[in-house]
Protein backbone atom coordinates (compact mmCIF):
# COMPACT_ATOMS: atom_id res chain seq x y z
CA UNK A 1 93.41 66.03 -151.06
CA UNK A 2 93.22 62.35 -151.18
CA UNK A 3 96.16 60.95 -149.47
CA UNK A 4 96.98 57.14 -149.43
CA UNK A 5 99.98 54.98 -147.69
CA UNK A 6 101.63 52.53 -149.62
CA UNK A 7 103.50 49.64 -147.79
CA UNK A 8 104.53 46.12 -147.86
CA UNK A 9 105.70 44.10 -144.86
CA UNK A 10 107.98 41.22 -145.28
CA UNK A 11 110.28 39.64 -142.39
CA UNK A 12 113.76 38.65 -143.11
CA UNK A 13 116.28 35.90 -141.49
CA UNK A 14 119.94 36.64 -142.07
CA UNK A 15 119.34 39.29 -145.04
CA UNK A 16 117.02 36.87 -146.86
CA UNK A 17 113.09 37.36 -146.98
CA UNK A 18 111.23 34.64 -145.04
CA UNK A 19 107.84 35.75 -145.06
CA UNK A 20 106.16 38.28 -147.16
CA UNK A 21 102.44 38.71 -148.70
CA UNK A 22 103.14 36.46 -151.49
CA UNK A 23 104.83 33.73 -149.38
CA UNK A 24 101.93 33.76 -146.86
CA UNK A 25 99.48 33.49 -150.11
CA UNK A 26 101.32 30.54 -151.16
CA UNK A 27 101.12 28.78 -147.79
CA UNK A 28 97.28 29.41 -147.55
CA UNK A 29 97.04 28.19 -151.14
CA UNK A 30 98.99 25.04 -150.24
CA UNK A 31 96.83 24.45 -146.92
CA UNK A 32 93.54 24.93 -149.14
CA UNK A 33 94.64 22.70 -151.97
CA UNK A 34 96.60 20.08 -150.30
CA UNK A 35 99.34 20.15 -153.01
CA UNK A 36 102.27 22.41 -154.02
CA UNK A 37 101.40 21.88 -157.97
CA UNK A 38 97.80 22.96 -157.41
CA UNK A 39 98.40 25.70 -155.19
CA UNK A 40 101.16 27.38 -157.65
CA UNK A 41 98.50 26.82 -160.58
CA UNK A 42 95.75 28.67 -158.32
CA UNK A 43 98.00 31.45 -157.86
CA UNK A 44 99.67 31.69 -161.41
CA UNK A 45 102.72 30.67 -160.40
CA UNK A 46 105.12 28.45 -162.04
CA UNK A 47 105.74 25.22 -160.25
CA UNK A 48 109.56 25.73 -159.95
CA UNK A 49 108.76 29.34 -158.40
CA UNK A 50 106.48 28.13 -155.81
CA UNK A 51 108.92 25.24 -155.15
CA UNK A 52 111.91 27.80 -154.77
CA UNK A 53 109.81 30.03 -152.20
CA UNK A 54 108.43 26.83 -150.07
CA UNK A 55 112.00 25.51 -150.19
CA UNK A 56 113.33 28.95 -148.83
CA UNK A 57 110.89 29.09 -146.03
CA UNK A 58 111.44 25.36 -145.06
CA UNK A 59 114.98 25.79 -144.79
CA UNK A 60 114.92 29.45 -143.02
CA UNK A 61 112.36 29.21 -140.29
CA UNK A 62 113.16 27.25 -137.13
CA UNK A 63 110.91 24.18 -138.40
CA UNK A 64 109.63 23.11 -141.75
CA UNK A 65 106.30 25.05 -142.79
CA UNK A 66 105.18 22.01 -144.89
CA UNK A 67 105.28 18.27 -144.90
CA UNK A 68 105.15 16.32 -148.10
CA UNK A 69 103.05 13.02 -148.56
CA UNK A 70 104.39 10.32 -150.88
CA UNK A 71 102.45 9.58 -154.08
CA UNK A 72 100.34 6.45 -154.28
CA UNK A 73 96.66 5.17 -155.41
CA UNK A 74 95.26 9.17 -154.47
CA UNK A 75 98.73 10.96 -155.23
CA UNK A 76 100.79 12.65 -153.08
CA UNK A 77 100.53 16.02 -151.46
CA UNK A 78 101.82 18.95 -149.46
CA UNK A 79 100.60 19.69 -146.33
CA UNK A 80 101.18 22.68 -144.04
CA UNK A 81 102.43 21.84 -140.57
CA UNK A 82 101.24 23.50 -137.35
CA UNK A 83 104.21 25.80 -137.42
CA UNK A 84 103.40 27.05 -140.88
CA UNK A 85 99.63 27.65 -139.64
CA UNK A 86 101.09 29.61 -137.05
CA UNK A 87 103.09 31.82 -139.16
CA UNK A 88 100.53 32.68 -141.26
CA UNK A 89 98.08 33.85 -138.36
CA UNK A 90 101.09 35.61 -136.71
CA UNK A 91 101.87 37.35 -140.01
CA UNK A 92 98.48 38.08 -140.56
CA UNK A 93 98.20 39.76 -137.22
CA UNK A 94 101.46 41.84 -138.01
CA UNK A 95 99.86 42.91 -141.26
CA UNK A 96 96.64 44.01 -139.55
CA UNK A 97 98.07 45.82 -136.83
CA UNK A 98 100.32 47.67 -139.20
CA UNK A 99 97.57 48.53 -141.38
CA UNK A 100 95.73 49.71 -138.47
CA UNK A 101 98.64 51.98 -137.46
CA UNK A 102 99.25 53.46 -140.94
CA UNK A 103 95.29 54.30 -141.33
CA UNK A 104 95.73 56.00 -137.94
CA UNK A 105 98.76 57.86 -139.01
CA UNK A 106 96.90 58.93 -141.84
CA UNK A 107 94.54 60.37 -140.20
CA UNK A 108 97.13 62.89 -138.42
CA UNK A 109 98.22 63.84 -141.89
CA UNK A 110 94.88 64.81 -143.15
CA UNK A 111 94.11 66.99 -139.98
CA UNK A 112 97.22 69.22 -140.44
CA UNK A 113 97.11 69.36 -144.37
């Protein structure tokens, strides 16, 4: 038998999603692109959806996850805050540790099957 465990992790605040894999991907894309519109495009998200997700994270966290720079000659942009970078690292660690645990538990299942 070829068993698989399927799982997705998300973190809620006051019964609303704060972080999940998709939101973390968006934060990583913002960090890489320096722009919400470019980040949204790279993930095949509409700007409106990306803005909604980012706004939700900014209003749900203890600090904003991004800051905006005003346009000008080079145009404006969206930058990740240190808090936003720490959230990515923390979520990635939680996710990695969870998968390690699930893999270990799957090995127990394989032994009894």
